[in-house]
């Protein structure tokens, strides 16, 4: 169920109007250094994935052998990888009840 939430009257002068952007200039462009760092990170990750893909056939039998020998960490790793790691849901609604946000407004004159 979607609920429309309206702002209190005293906040309305401070809200963006429809079609008005909070950042009219948009996101700043990456600097040449940031572009270089991003590309280097992508290259490192691609190299790591390739190396891992090549190593997995060698790692798999060792991990399976350890699990068969009773290594709990190996068993857990194999289980998590083959059965999906258990997901932990988080209820941020206070046990099913809606959380109501309160806003304190400070007047410029301190009142």
C-alpha atoms as a PDB file:
ATOM      1  CA  UNK A   1       0.000   0.000   0.000  1.00  0.00           C
ATOM      2  CA  UNK A   2       1.475   3.326  -1.043  1.00  0.00           C
ATOM      3  CA  UNK A   3       0.779   6.307   1.161  1.00  0.00           C
ATOM      4  CA  UNK A   4       1.116   9.973   0.232  1.00  0.00           C
ATOM      5  CA  UNK A   5       2.973  11.882   2.903  1.00  0.00           C
ATOM      6  CA  UNK A   6       2.665  15.643   2.942  1.00  0.00           C
ATOM      7  CA  UNK A   7       5.052  18.026   4.637  1.00  0.00           C
ATOM      8  CA  UNK A   8       3.942  20.295   7.460  1.00  0.00           C
ATOM      9  CA  UNK A   9       3.067  23.810   6.327  1.00  0.00           C
ATOM     10  CA  UNK A  10       6.140  25.336   7.957  1.00  0.00           C
ATOM     11  CA  UNK A  11       8.451  23.119   5.816  1.00  0.00           C
ATOM     12  CA  UNK A  12       6.795  23.830   2.469  1.00  0.00           C
ATOM     13  CA  UNK A  13       8.895  26.936   1.649  1.00  0.00           C
ATOM     14  CA  UNK A  14      12.044  24.792   1.930  1.00  0.00           C
ATOM     15  CA  UNK A  15      10.897  21.906  -0.296  1.00  0.00           C
ATOM     16  CA  UNK A  16      11.831  21.540  -3.935  1.00  0.00           C
ATOM     17  CA  UNK A  17       8.987  22.227  -6.297  1.00  0.00           C
ATOM     18  CA  UNK A  18       8.086  19.706  -9.023  1.00  0.00           C
ATOM     19  CA  UNK A  19      10.661  19.931 -11.816  1.00  0.00           C
ATOM     20  CA  UNK A  20      13.155  21.785  -9.596  1.00  0.00           C
ATOM     21  CA  UNK A  21      16.482  20.054  -8.992  1.00  0.00           C
ATOM     22  CA  UNK A  22      18.453  20.110  -5.782  1.00  0.00           C
ATOM     23  CA  UNK A  23      21.590  19.886  -7.915  1.00  0.00           C
ATOM     24  CA  UNK A  24      21.011  21.943 -11.075  1.00  0.00           C
ATOM     25  CA  UNK A  25      24.601  21.466 -12.298  1.00  0.00           C
ATOM     26  CA  UNK A  26      24.344  17.685 -12.075  1.00  0.00           C
ATOM     27  CA  UNK A  27      26.969  15.269 -10.881  1.00  0.00           C
ATOM     28  CA  UNK A  28      30.523  16.590 -11.235  1.00  0.00           C
ATOM     29  CA  UNK A  29      32.558  15.075 -14.062  1.00  0.00           C
ATOM     30  CA  UNK A  30      35.323  12.648 -13.117  1.00  0.00           C
ATOM     31  CA  UNK A  31      38.815  14.072 -13.090  1.00  0.00           C
ATOM     32  CA  UNK A  32      41.429  12.366 -15.296  1.00  0.00           C
ATOM     33  CA  UNK A  33      42.876  10.818 -12.121  1.00  0.00           C
ATOM     34  CA  UNK A  34      39.487   9.416 -11.097  1.00  0.00           C
ATOM     35  CA  UNK A  35      38.992   7.962 -14.588  1.00  0.00           C
ATOM     36  CA  UNK A  36      42.436   6.349 -14.432  1.00  0.00           C
ATOM     37  CA  UNK A  37      41.751   4.888 -10.972  1.00  0.00           C
ATOM     38  CA  UNK A  38      38.357   3.542 -12.075  1.00  0.00           C
ATOM     39  CA  UNK A  39      39.893   1.904 -15.169  1.00  0.00           C
ATOM     40  CA  UNK A  40      42.760   0.423 -13.120  1.00  0.00           C
ATOM     41  CA  UNK A  41      40.288  -1.008 -10.602  1.00  0.00           C
ATOM     42  CA  UNK A  42      38.231  -2.578 -13.412  1.00  0.00           C
ATOM     43  CA  UNK A  43      41.399  -4.085 -14.910  1.00  0.00           C
ATOM     44  CA  UNK A  44      42.512  -5.486 -11.546  1.00  0.00           C
ATOM     45  CA  UNK A  45      39.083  -7.019 -10.925  1.00  0.00           C
ATOM     46  CA  UNK A  46      38.995  -8.537 -14.434  1.00  0.00           C
ATOM     47  CA  UNK A  47      42.480 -10.025 -13.924  1.00  0.00           C
ATOM     48  CA  UNK A  48      41.444 -11.401 -10.525  1.00  0.00           C
ATOM     49  CA  UNK A  49      38.303 -13.002 -11.963  1.00  0.00           C
ATOM     50  CA  UNK A  50      40.355 -14.604 -14.740  1.00  0.00           C
ATOM     51  CA  UNK A  51      42.950 -15.941 -12.290  1.00  0.00           C
ATOM     52  CA  UNK A  52      40.218 -17.246  -9.995  1.00  0.00           C
ATOM     53  CA  UNK A  53      38.457 -18.988 -12.903  1.00  0.00           C
ATOM     54  CA  UNK A  54      41.739 -20.707 -13.783  1.00  0.00           C
ATOM     55  CA  UNK A  55      42.440 -21.702 -10.140  1.00  0.00           C
ATOM     56  CA  UNK A  56      38.980 -23.003  -9.242  1.00  0.00           C
ATOM     57  CA  UNK A  57      39.419 -26.415 -10.896  1.00  0.00           C
ATOM     58  CA  UNK A  58      42.533 -26.883  -8.732  1.00  0.00           C
ATOM     59  CA  UNK A  59      40.946 -25.526  -5.543  1.00  0.00           C
ATOM     60  CA  UNK A  60      37.660 -27.424  -5.780  1.00  0.00           C
ATOM     61  CA  UNK A  61      38.992 -30.951  -5.107  1.00  0.00           C
ATOM     62  CA  UNK A  62      41.080 -29.717  -2.161  1.00  0.00           C
ATOM     63  CA  UNK A  63      38.087 -27.944  -0.619  1.00  0.00           C
ATOM     64  CA  UNK A  64      35.884 -31.001  -1.120  1.00  0.00           C
ATOM     65  CA  UNK A  65      38.528 -33.280   0.426  1.00  0.00           C
ATOM     66  CA  UNK A  66      38.812 -31.003   3.475  1.00  0.00           C
ATOM     67  CA  UNK A  67      35.010 -30.992   3.850  1.00  0.00           C
ATOM     68  CA  UNK A  68      34.924 -34.799   3.658  1.00  0.00           C
ATOM     69  CA  UNK A  69      37.636 -34.922   6.349  1.00  0.00           C
ATOM     70  CA  UNK A  70      35.378 -32.849   8.620  1.00  0.00           C
ATOM     71  CA  UNK A  71      36.790 -29.330   8.210  1.00  0.00           C
ATOM     72  CA  UNK A  72      33.828 -27.211   9.342  1.00  0.00           C
ATOM     73  CA  UNK A  73      34.972 -24.085   7.461  1.00  0.00           C
ATOM     74  CA  UNK A  74      35.279 -26.085   4.233  1.00  0.00           C
ATOM     75  CA  UNK A  75      31.846 -27.631   4.788  1.00  0.00           C
ATOM     76  CA  UNK A  76      30.345 -24.203   5.460  1.00  0.00           C
ATOM     77  CA  UNK A  77      32.030 -22.691   2.382  1.00  0.00           C
ATOM     78  CA  UNK A  78      30.782 -25.468   0.104  1.00  0.00           C
ATOM     79  CA  UNK A  79      27.297 -25.270   1.569  1.00  0.00           C
ATOM     80  CA  UNK A  80      27.107 -21.469   1.267  1.00  0.00           C
ATOM     81  CA  UNK A  81      28.351 -21.551  -2.331  1.00  0.00           C
ATOM     82  CA  UNK A  82      26.078 -24.346  -3.489  1.00  0.00           C
ATOM     83  CA  UNK A  83      22.916 -23.586  -1.486  1.00  0.00           C
ATOM     84  CA  UNK A  84      23.143 -19.775  -1.289  1.00  0.00           C
ATOM     85  CA  UNK A  85      24.194 -18.177   1.919  1.00  0.00           C
ATOM     86  CA  UNK A  86      21.313 -17.688   4.337  1.00  0.00           C
ATOM     87  CA  UNK A  87      19.789 -14.260   3.949  1.00  0.00           C
ATOM     88  CA  UNK A  88      19.142 -12.116   6.997  1.00  0.00           C
ATOM     89  CA  UNK A  89      16.079  -9.926   6.694  1.00  0.00           C
ATOM     90  CA  UNK A  90      16.005  -6.735   8.692  1.00  0.00           C
ATOM     91  CA  UNK A  91      12.743  -5.208   9.853  1.00  0.00           C
ATOM     92  CA  UNK A  92      13.230  -1.451   9.956  1.00  0.00           C
ATOM     93  CA  UNK A  93       9.579  -0.752  10.662  1.00  0.00           C
ATOM     94  CA  UNK A  94       9.711  -1.303  14.416  1.00  0.00           C
ATOM     95  CA  UNK A  95       8.088  -4.752  14.680  1.00  0.00           C
ATOM     96  CA  UNK A  96       5.659  -4.088  11.885  1.00  0.00           C
ATOM     97  CA  UNK A  97       4.628  -0.661  13.158  1.00  0.00           C
ATOM     98  CA  UNK A  98       5.342   2.340  10.970  1.00  0.00           C
ATOM     99  CA  UNK A  99       8.139   4.597  12.228  1.00  0.00           C
ATOM    100  CA  UNK A 100       7.043   8.214  12.406  1.00  0.00           C
ATOM    101  CA  UNK A 101       9.810  10.739  11.842  1.00  0.00           C
ATOM    102  CA  UNK A 102       9.749  13.901  13.871  1.00  0.00           C
ATOM    103  CA  UNK A 103      11.291  17.133  12.669  1.00  0.00           C
ATOM    104  CA  UNK A 104      12.474  19.942  14.890  1.00  0.00           C
ATOM    105  CA  UNK A 105      12.470  23.303  13.173  1.00  0.00           C
ATOM    106  CA  UNK A 106      14.754  25.990  14.489  1.00  0.00           C
ATOM    107  CA  UNK A 107      13.724  29.508  13.663  1.00  0.00           C
ATOM    108  CA  UNK A 108      16.514  31.827  12.469  1.00  0.00           C
ATOM    109  CA  UNK A 109      15.917  34.132  15.456  1.00  0.00           C
ATOM    110  CA  UNK A 110      16.483  31.216  17.890  1.00  0.00           C
ATOM    111  CA  UNK A 111      12.859  30.747  18.999  1.00  0.00           C
END
